[in-house]
Amino acid sequence: MLKTPYQDTPDLRQAIINACKEMNSRGINQGTSGNISARAGDRMIITPSGVPYDRMTPEMLASIPLDGDGGFDGPLPPSTEWQFHLALLRAKPDMHAVVHAHPVHCTALAINRMEIPSCHYMIALFGGDTVPLAGYALFGSDELAREVTDVMKDRQGCLMANHGAVAHGGSLEQALERALLLEWLCALHHRASALGPVRTLTEEQQHEVVLAALARNYGNQG
């Protein structure tokens, strides 16, 4: 496991590629539709657009200044979603990685314009009593970057209307685990809904969970 804060090294770039491969092997992404970024000093390293993960090599990843406007260094253009990756890393200096994918259950809820309610206490690991839904905007747009950054102001992940899901973390490992947890929670909600009305935790119960999670530092290990 690489230690944070990250620096732009071949090991970091390979770790990003490995995380992309794990997304697919764990079933939360299809083809090259997902993308992953990491903070490296004053720059963001992000996967290139449209390259199969099994063909991706470290030098293919793009490097973008965190204080820039999208100009990049690298042989290939960055993911078309670089805007919200950059916006999240700028807004959350304690976060060092962003994972975006199109998991089936997350995307199904997002298509129905639903957030994840307090159906399970592990919702608290995302910083509140729900996992919010970012409003729809065209992929790769500044508007989408604003939508995602706004709803994740005090959250560690969100669904994206008619699109997919995004999570960030203090490390690549944490960001990926949060993305996997998002899909598990959405799958759980979907199955519970098939049995009848979903019984959510009360505001008081969920507040107790949030306080307990903060006290034990659950979900915040980079």
C-alpha atoms as a PDB file:
ATOM      1  CA  MET A   1       0.000   0.000   0.000  1.00  0.00           C
ATOM      2  CA  LEU A   2       1.358   3.398  -0.983  1.00  0.00           C
ATOM      3  CA  LYS A   3       1.548   6.002   1.761  1.00  0.00           C
ATOM      4  CA  THR A   4      -0.226   9.325   1.407  1.00  0.00           C
ATOM      5  CA  PRO A   5       0.311  12.087   0.530  1.00  0.00           C
ATOM      6  CA  TYR A   6       1.140  10.666  -2.877  1.00  0.00           C
ATOM      7  CA  GLN A   7       3.832  11.774  -5.277  1.00  0.00           C
ATOM      8  CA  ASP A   8       3.763  11.228  -9.033  1.00  0.00           C
ATOM      9  CA  THR A   9       5.694   7.992  -9.368  1.00  0.00           C
ATOM     10  CA  PRO A  10       5.344   4.913 -11.596  1.00  0.00           C
ATOM     11  CA  ASP A  11       4.151   3.039  -8.497  1.00  0.00           C
ATOM     12  CA  LEU A  12       1.288   5.485  -7.942  1.00  0.00           C
ATOM     13  CA  ARG A  13       0.292   5.330 -11.588  1.00  0.00           C
ATOM     14  CA  GLN A  14       0.341   1.533 -11.522  1.00  0.00           C
ATOM     15  CA  ALA A  15      -1.743   1.560  -8.325  1.00  0.00           C
ATOM     16  CA  ILE A  16      -4.385   3.644 -10.129  1.00  0.00           C
ATOM     17  CA  ILE A  17      -4.427   1.131 -12.989  1.00  0.00           C
ATOM     18  CA  ASN A  18      -4.681  -1.753 -10.533  1.00  0.00           C
ATOM     19  CA  ALA A  19      -7.644  -0.053  -8.840  1.00  0.00           C
ATOM     20  CA  CYS A  20      -9.351   0.287 -12.225  1.00  0.00           C
ATOM     21  CA  LYS A  21      -8.873  -3.412 -12.872  1.00  0.00           C
ATOM     22  CA  GLU A  22     -10.273  -4.206  -9.439  1.00  0.00           C
ATOM     23  CA  MET A  23     -13.367  -2.105 -10.176  1.00  0.00           C
ATOM     24  CA  ASN A  24     -14.109  -4.365 -13.114  1.00  0.00           C
ATOM     25  CA  SER A  25     -13.205  -7.605 -11.345  1.00  0.00           C
ATOM     26  CA  ARG A  26     -15.456  -6.661  -8.397  1.00  0.00           C
ATOM     27  CA  GLY A  27     -18.339  -5.962 -10.774  1.00  0.00           C
ATOM     28  CA  ILE A  28     -18.896  -2.244 -10.191  1.00  0.00           C
ATOM     29  CA  ASN A  29     -17.796  -1.065 -13.616  1.00  0.00           C
ATOM     30  CA  GLN A  30     -18.139  -2.039 -17.245  1.00  0.00           C
ATOM     31  CA  GLY A  31     -15.410  -1.688 -19.852  1.00  0.00           C
ATOM     32  CA  THR A  32     -13.665   1.677 -19.696  1.00  0.00           C
ATOM     33  CA  SER A  33     -16.643   3.680 -18.448  1.00  0.00           C
ATOM     34  CA  GLY A  34     -15.152   4.312 -14.997  1.00  0.00           C
ATOM     35  CA  ASN A  35     -12.218   6.522 -14.094  1.00  0.00           C
ATOM     36  CA  ILE A  36      -9.899   7.040 -11.139  1.00  0.00           C
ATOM     37  CA  SER A  37      -7.706   9.940 -10.062  1.00  0.00           C
ATOM     38  CA  ALA A  38      -5.235  10.626  -7.282  1.00  0.00           C
ATOM     39  CA  ARG A  39      -3.667  13.748  -5.829  1.00  0.00           C
ATOM     40  CA  ALA A  40       0.106  13.834  -6.358  1.00  0.00           C
ATOM     41  CA  GLY A  41       1.632  16.936  -4.829  1.00  0.00           C
ATOM     42  CA  ASP A  42       0.094  19.923  -6.609  1.00  0.00           C
ATOM     43  CA  ARG A  43      -1.190  17.825  -9.513  1.00  0.00           C
ATOM     44  CA  MET A  44      -3.877  15.257 -10.256  1.00  0.00           C
ATOM     45  CA  ILE A  45      -3.007  11.981 -11.963  1.00  0.00           C
ATOM     46  CA  ILE A  46      -6.004  10.528 -13.811  1.00  0.00           C
ATOM     47  CA  THR A  47      -6.756   7.684 -16.171  1.00  0.00           C
ATOM     48  CA  PRO A  48      -6.868   8.519 -19.897  1.00  0.00           C
ATOM     49  CA  SER A  49     -10.027   8.444 -21.951  1.00  0.00           C
ATOM     50  CA  GLY A  50     -11.167   5.232 -23.628  1.00  0.00           C
ATOM     51  CA  VAL A  51      -8.169   2.972 -22.951  1.00  0.00           C
ATOM     52  CA  PRO A  52      -8.926  -0.616 -21.812  1.00  0.00           C
ATOM     53  CA  TYR A  53      -7.439  -1.167 -18.375  1.00  0.00           C
ATOM     54  CA  ASP A  54      -5.536  -4.295 -19.415  1.00  0.00           C
ATOM     55  CA  ARG A  55      -3.743  -2.231 -22.062  1.00  0.00           C
ATOM     56  CA  MET A  56      -3.103   0.790 -19.871  1.00  0.00           C
ATOM     57  CA  THR A  57       0.465   1.555 -18.824  1.00  0.00           C
ATOM     58  CA  PRO A  58       1.680   4.101 -16.234  1.00  0.00           C
ATOM     59  CA  GLU A  59       2.993   6.574 -18.791  1.00  0.00           C
ATOM     60  CA  MET A  60      -0.460   6.771 -20.441  1.00  0.00           C
ATOM     61  CA  LEU A  61      -2.031   8.483 -17.421  1.00  0.00           C
ATOM     62  CA  ALA A  62      -2.539  12.234 -17.628  1.00  0.00           C
ATOM     63  CA  SER A  63      -1.207  14.802 -15.154  1.00  0.00           C
ATOM     64  CA  ILE A  64      -3.252  17.965 -14.539  1.00  0.00           C
ATOM     65  CA  PRO A  65      -2.287  20.915 -12.275  1.00  0.00           C
ATOM     66  CA  LEU A  66      -4.732  21.238  -9.380  1.00  0.00           C
ATOM     67  CA  ASP A  67      -4.814  24.997  -9.870  1.00  0.00           C
ATOM     68  CA  GLY A  68      -5.117  24.788 -13.652  1.00  0.00           C
ATOM     69  CA  ASP A  69      -7.976  24.816 -16.148  1.00  0.00           C
ATOM     70  CA  GLY A  70      -7.573  21.300 -17.531  1.00  0.00           C
ATOM     71  CA  GLY A  71      -4.355  21.600 -19.450  1.00  0.00           C
ATOM     72  CA  PHE A  72      -2.583  18.280 -19.102  1.00  0.00           C
ATOM     73  CA  ASP A  73       0.722  16.529 -19.541  1.00  0.00           C
ATOM     74  CA  GLY A  74       0.703  13.109 -21.136  1.00  0.00           C
ATOM     75  CA  PRO A  75       0.471  11.289 -24.443  1.00  0.00           C
ATOM     76  CA  LEU A  76      -3.319  10.798 -24.178  1.00  0.00           C
ATOM     77  CA  PRO A  77      -6.176  13.084 -23.138  1.00  0.00           C
ATOM     78  CA  PRO A  78      -7.523  12.585 -19.612  1.00  0.00           C
ATOM     79  CA  SER A  79     -10.878  11.015 -18.851  1.00  0.00           C
ATOM     80  CA  THR A  80     -13.781  13.112 -20.065  1.00  0.00           C
ATOM     81  CA  GLU A  81     -14.852  13.343 -16.407  1.00  0.00           C
ATOM     82  CA  TRP A  82     -11.686  15.116 -15.243  1.00  0.00           C
ATOM     83  CA  GLN A  83     -13.694  18.224 -14.261  1.00  0.00           C
ATOM     84  CA  PHE A  84     -15.445  16.728 -11.227  1.00  0.00           C
ATOM     85  CA  HIS A  85     -12.330  14.795 -10.203  1.00  0.00           C
ATOM     86  CA  LEU A  86     -10.393  18.069 -10.166  1.00  0.00           C
ATOM     87  CA  ALA A  87     -13.197  19.944  -8.414  1.00  0.00           C
ATOM     88  CA  LEU A  88     -13.437  17.341  -5.635  1.00  0.00           C
ATOM     89  CA  LEU A  89      -9.682  17.238  -5.004  1.00  0.00           C
ATOM     90  CA  ARG A  90      -9.602  21.036  -4.877  1.00  0.00           C
ATOM     91  CA  ALA A  91     -12.542  21.182  -2.476  1.00  0.00           C
ATOM     92  CA  LYS A  92     -11.348  18.349  -0.199  1.00  0.00           C
ATOM     93  CA  PRO A  93      -7.633  18.782   0.601  1.00  0.00           C
ATOM     94  CA  ASP A  94      -7.757  15.793   2.970  1.00  0.00           C
ATOM     95  CA  MET A  95      -8.974  13.510   0.171  1.00  0.00           C
ATOM     96  CA  HIS A  96      -6.333  11.994  -2.099  1.00  0.00           C
ATOM     97  CA  ALA A  97      -8.289   9.816  -4.526  1.00  0.00           C
ATOM     98  CA  VAL A  98     -11.559   9.811  -6.474  1.00  0.00           C
ATOM     99  CA  VAL A  99     -13.306   6.748  -7.931  1.00  0.00           C
ATOM    100  CA  HIS A 100     -16.127   7.032 -10.477  1.00  0.00           C
ATOM    101  CA  ALA A 101     -18.028   4.081 -11.929  1.00  0.00           C
ATOM    102  CA  HIS A 102     -21.427   2.969 -13.223  1.00  0.00           C
ATOM    103  CA  PRO A 103     -22.432   0.151 -10.841  1.00  0.00           C
ATOM    104  CA  VAL A 104     -25.746  -1.457 -11.788  1.00  0.00           C
ATOM    105  CA  HIS A 105     -27.663  -0.886  -8.551  1.00  0.00           C
ATOM    106  CA  CYS A 106     -26.251   2.592  -7.946  1.00  0.00           C
ATOM    107  CA  THR A 107     -27.136   3.609 -11.477  1.00  0.00           C
ATOM    108  CA  ALA A 108     -30.624   2.098 -11.203  1.00  0.00           C
ATOM    109  CA  LEU A 109     -31.375   4.274  -8.162  1.00  0.00           C
ATOM    110  CA  ALA A 110     -29.801   7.271  -9.899  1.00  0.00           C
ATOM    111  CA  ILE A 111     -31.990   6.728 -12.972  1.00  0.00           C
ATOM    112  CA  ASN A 112     -35.016   6.854 -10.671  1.00  0.00           C
ATOM    113  CA  ARG A 113     -33.588  10.059  -9.176  1.00  0.00           C
ATOM    114  CA  MET A 114     -33.329   8.484  -5.709  1.00  0.00           C
ATOM    115  CA  GLU A 115     -30.796   9.089  -2.992  1.00  0.00           C
ATOM    116  CA  ILE A 116     -29.848   6.241  -0.645  1.00  0.00           C
ATOM    117  CA  PRO A 117     -31.947   6.681   2.528  1.00  0.00           C
ATOM    118  CA  SER A 118     -30.955   5.642   6.023  1.00  0.00           C
ATOM    119  CA  CYS A 119     -31.842   2.006   5.355  1.00  0.00           C
ATOM    120  CA  HIS A 120     -28.682   0.664   7.023  1.00  0.00           C
ATOM    121  CA  TYR A 121     -26.392   2.087   9.676  1.00  0.00           C
ATOM    122  CA  MET A 122     -23.357   1.906   7.353  1.00  0.00           C
ATOM    123  CA  ILE A 123     -24.782   4.913   5.502  1.00  0.00           C
ATOM    124  CA  ALA A 124     -23.055   6.838   8.305  1.00  0.00           C
ATOM    125  CA  LEU A 125     -19.662   6.007   6.781  1.00  0.00           C
ATOM    126  CA  PHE A 126     -20.494   8.536   4.075  1.00  0.00           C
ATOM    127  CA  GLY A 127     -20.856  11.368   6.577  1.00  0.00           C
ATOM    128  CA  GLY A 128     -24.586  11.684   7.191  1.00  0.00           C
ATOM    129  CA  ASP A 129     -27.986  10.008   7.229  1.00  0.00           C
ATOM    130  CA  THR A 130     -28.250   9.661   3.436  1.00  0.00           C
ATOM    131  CA  VAL A 131     -26.039   9.280   0.406  1.00  0.00           C
ATOM    132  CA  PRO A 132     -27.218  12.199  -1.739  1.00  0.00           C
ATOM    133  CA  LEU A 133     -28.092  12.407  -5.412  1.00  0.00           C
ATOM    134  CA  ALA A 134     -26.324  14.918  -7.639  1.00  0.00           C
ATOM    135  CA  GLY A 135     -28.602  16.524 -10.208  1.00  0.00           C
ATOM    136  CA  TYR A 136     -28.301  15.545 -13.841  1.00  0.00           C
ATOM    137  CA  ALA A 137     -25.871  17.394 -16.089  1.00  0.00           C
ATOM    138  CA  LEU A 138     -24.020  16.431 -19.249  1.00  0.00           C
ATOM    139  CA  PHE A 139     -21.047  14.151 -18.635  1.00  0.00           C
ATOM    140  CA  GLY A 140     -17.723  15.953 -18.675  1.00  0.00           C
ATOM    141  CA  SER A 141     -19.339  19.345 -18.051  1.00  0.00           C
ATOM    142  CA  ASP A 142     -18.537  22.082 -15.559  1.00  0.00           C
ATOM    143  CA  GLU A 143     -22.183  21.922 -14.460  1.00  0.00           C
ATOM    144  CA  LEU A 144     -21.789  18.251 -13.495  1.00  0.00           C
ATOM    145  CA  ALA A 145     -18.624  19.111 -11.558  1.00  0.00           C
ATOM    146  CA  ARG A 146     -20.588  21.733  -9.606  1.00  0.00           C
ATOM    147  CA  GLU A 147     -23.477  19.343  -8.930  1.00  0.00           C
ATOM    148  CA  VAL A 148     -21.174  16.606  -7.620  1.00  0.00           C
ATOM    149  CA  THR A 149     -19.021  18.932  -5.529  1.00  0.00           C
ATOM    150  CA  ASP A 150     -22.044  20.674  -4.011  1.00  0.00           C
ATOM    151  CA  VAL A 151     -23.776  17.501  -2.785  1.00  0.00           C
ATOM    152  CA  MET A 152     -20.499  16.020  -1.540  1.00  0.00           C
ATOM    153  CA  LYS A 153     -19.647  19.098   0.512  1.00  0.00           C
ATOM    154  CA  ASP A 154     -20.166  17.087   3.699  1.00  0.00           C
ATOM    155  CA  ARG A 155     -20.360  13.581   2.230  1.00  0.00           C
ATOM    156  CA  GLN A 156     -17.861  10.978   1.057  1.00  0.00           C
ATOM    157  CA  GLY A 157     -19.868   9.741  -1.927  1.00  0.00           C
ATOM    158  CA  CYS A 158     -22.935  10.369  -4.039  1.00  0.00           C
ATOM    159  CA  LEU A 159     -25.119   9.017  -6.795  1.00  0.00           C
ATOM    160  CA  MET A 160     -25.298  10.932 -10.068  1.00  0.00           C
ATOM    161  CA  ALA A 161     -28.700  11.290 -11.728  1.00  0.00           C
ATOM    162  CA  ASN A 162     -29.002   9.066 -14.834  1.00  0.00           C
ATOM    163  CA  HIS A 163     -25.267   8.444 -14.715  1.00  0.00           C
ATOM    164  CA  GLY A 164     -23.535   6.487 -11.943  1.00  0.00           C
ATOM    165  CA  ALA A 165     -21.726   7.018  -8.651  1.00  0.00           C
ATOM    166  CA  VAL A 166     -18.615   8.650  -7.239  1.00  0.00           C
ATOM    167  CA  ALA A 167     -16.674   8.243  -4.002  1.00  0.00           C
ATOM    168  CA  HIS A 168     -13.479   9.728  -2.658  1.00  0.00           C
ATOM    169  CA  GLY A 169     -11.097   8.851   0.131  1.00  0.00           C
ATOM    170  CA  GLY A 170      -7.885   9.595   1.937  1.00  0.00           C
ATOM    171  CA  SER A 171      -6.248   6.894  -0.173  1.00  0.00           C
ATOM    172  CA  LEU A 172      -6.912   4.904  -3.323  1.00  0.00           C
ATOM    173  CA  GLU A 173      -7.860   1.905  -1.204  1.00  0.00           C
ATOM    174  CA  GLN A 174     -10.374   3.888   0.844  1.00  0.00           C
ATOM    175  CA  ALA A 175     -11.954   5.521  -2.212  1.00  0.00           C
ATOM    176  CA  LEU A 176     -12.373   2.134  -3.900  1.00  0.00           C
ATOM    177  CA  GLU A 177     -13.825   0.540  -0.761  1.00  0.00           C
ATOM    178  CA  ARG A 178     -16.340   3.382  -0.495  1.00  0.00           C
ATOM    179  CA  ALA A 179     -17.349   2.880  -4.132  1.00  0.00           C
ATOM    180  CA  LEU A 180     -17.869  -0.831  -3.439  1.00  0.00           C
ATOM    181  CA  LEU A 181     -19.876  -0.017  -0.307  1.00  0.00           C
ATOM    182  CA  LEU A 182     -22.113   2.342  -2.284  1.00  0.00           C
ATOM    183  CA  GLU A 183     -23.047  -0.477  -4.647  1.00  0.00           C
ATOM    184  CA  TRP A 184     -23.673  -2.879  -1.744  1.00  0.00           C
ATOM    185  CA  LEU A 185     -25.985  -0.378  -0.065  1.00  0.00           C
ATOM    186  CA  CYS A 186     -27.894   0.234  -3.293  1.00  0.00           C
ATOM    187  CA  ALA A 187     -28.240  -3.509  -3.917  1.00  0.00           C
ATOM    188  CA  LEU A 188     -29.481  -3.933  -0.339  1.00  0.00           C
ATOM    189  CA  HIS A 189     -32.013  -1.137  -0.787  1.00  0.00           C
ATOM    190  CA  HIS A 190     -33.202  -2.662  -4.063  1.00  0.00           C
ATOM    191  CA  ARG A 191     -33.774  -6.096  -2.507  1.00  0.00           C
ATOM    192  CA  ALA A 192     -35.463  -4.656   0.569  1.00  0.00           C
ATOM    193  CA  SER A 193     -37.777  -2.604  -1.656  1.00  0.00           C
ATOM    194  CA  ALA A 194     -38.904  -5.795  -3.412  1.00  0.00           C
ATOM    195  CA  LEU A 195     -40.141  -7.157  -0.059  1.00  0.00           C
ATOM    196  CA  GLY A 196     -42.203  -4.120   0.819  1.00  0.00           C
ATOM    197  CA  PRO A 197     -41.812  -0.535   2.052  1.00  0.00           C
ATOM    198  CA  VAL A 198     -38.266   0.109   3.243  1.00  0.00           C
ATOM    199  CA  ARG A 199     -38.085   0.762   6.984  1.00  0.00           C
ATOM    200  CA  THR A 200     -35.439   3.421   7.542  1.00  0.00           C
ATOM    201  CA  LEU A 201     -33.708   4.387  10.752  1.00  0.00           C
ATOM    202  CA  THR A 202     -35.164   7.360  12.560  1.00  0.00           C
ATOM    203  CA  GLU A 203     -33.273  10.640  12.553  1.00  0.00           C
ATOM    204  CA  GLU A 204     -32.319  10.053  16.191  1.00  0.00           C
ATOM    205  CA  GLN A 205     -31.089   6.500  15.515  1.00  0.00           C
ATOM    206  CA  GLN A 206     -29.022   7.585  12.544  1.00  0.00           C
ATOM    207  CA  HIS A 207     -27.575  10.513  14.505  1.00  0.00           C
ATOM    208  CA  GLU A 208     -26.445   8.035  17.159  1.00  0.00           C
ATOM    209  CA  VAL A 209     -24.755   5.961  14.456  1.00  0.00           C
ATOM    210  CA  VAL A 210     -22.972   8.998  12.995  1.00  0.00           C
ATOM    211  CA  LEU A 211     -21.664   9.964  16.435  1.00  0.00           C
ATOM    212  CA  ALA A 212     -20.532   6.390  17.119  1.00  0.00           C
ATOM    213  CA  ALA A 213     -18.776   6.195  13.741  1.00  0.00           C
ATOM    214  CA  LEU A 214     -16.978   9.492  14.390  1.00  0.00           C
ATOM    215  CA  ALA A 215     -15.945   8.376  17.876  1.00  0.00           C
ATOM    216  CA  ARG A 216     -14.452   5.167  16.496  1.00  0.00           C
ATOM    217  CA  ASN A 217     -13.041   6.834  13.362  1.00  0.00           C
ATOM    218  CA  TYR A 218     -14.827   4.234  11.219  1.00  0.00           C
ATOM    219  CA  GLY A 219     -14.339   4.697   7.506  1.00  0.00           C
ATOM    220  CA  ASN A 220     -11.667   7.359   7.916  1.00  0.00           C
ATOM    221  CA  GLN A 221      -8.561   5.216   7.806  1.00  0.00           C
ATOM    222  CA  GLY A 222      -6.532   6.232   4.753  1.00  0.00           C
END
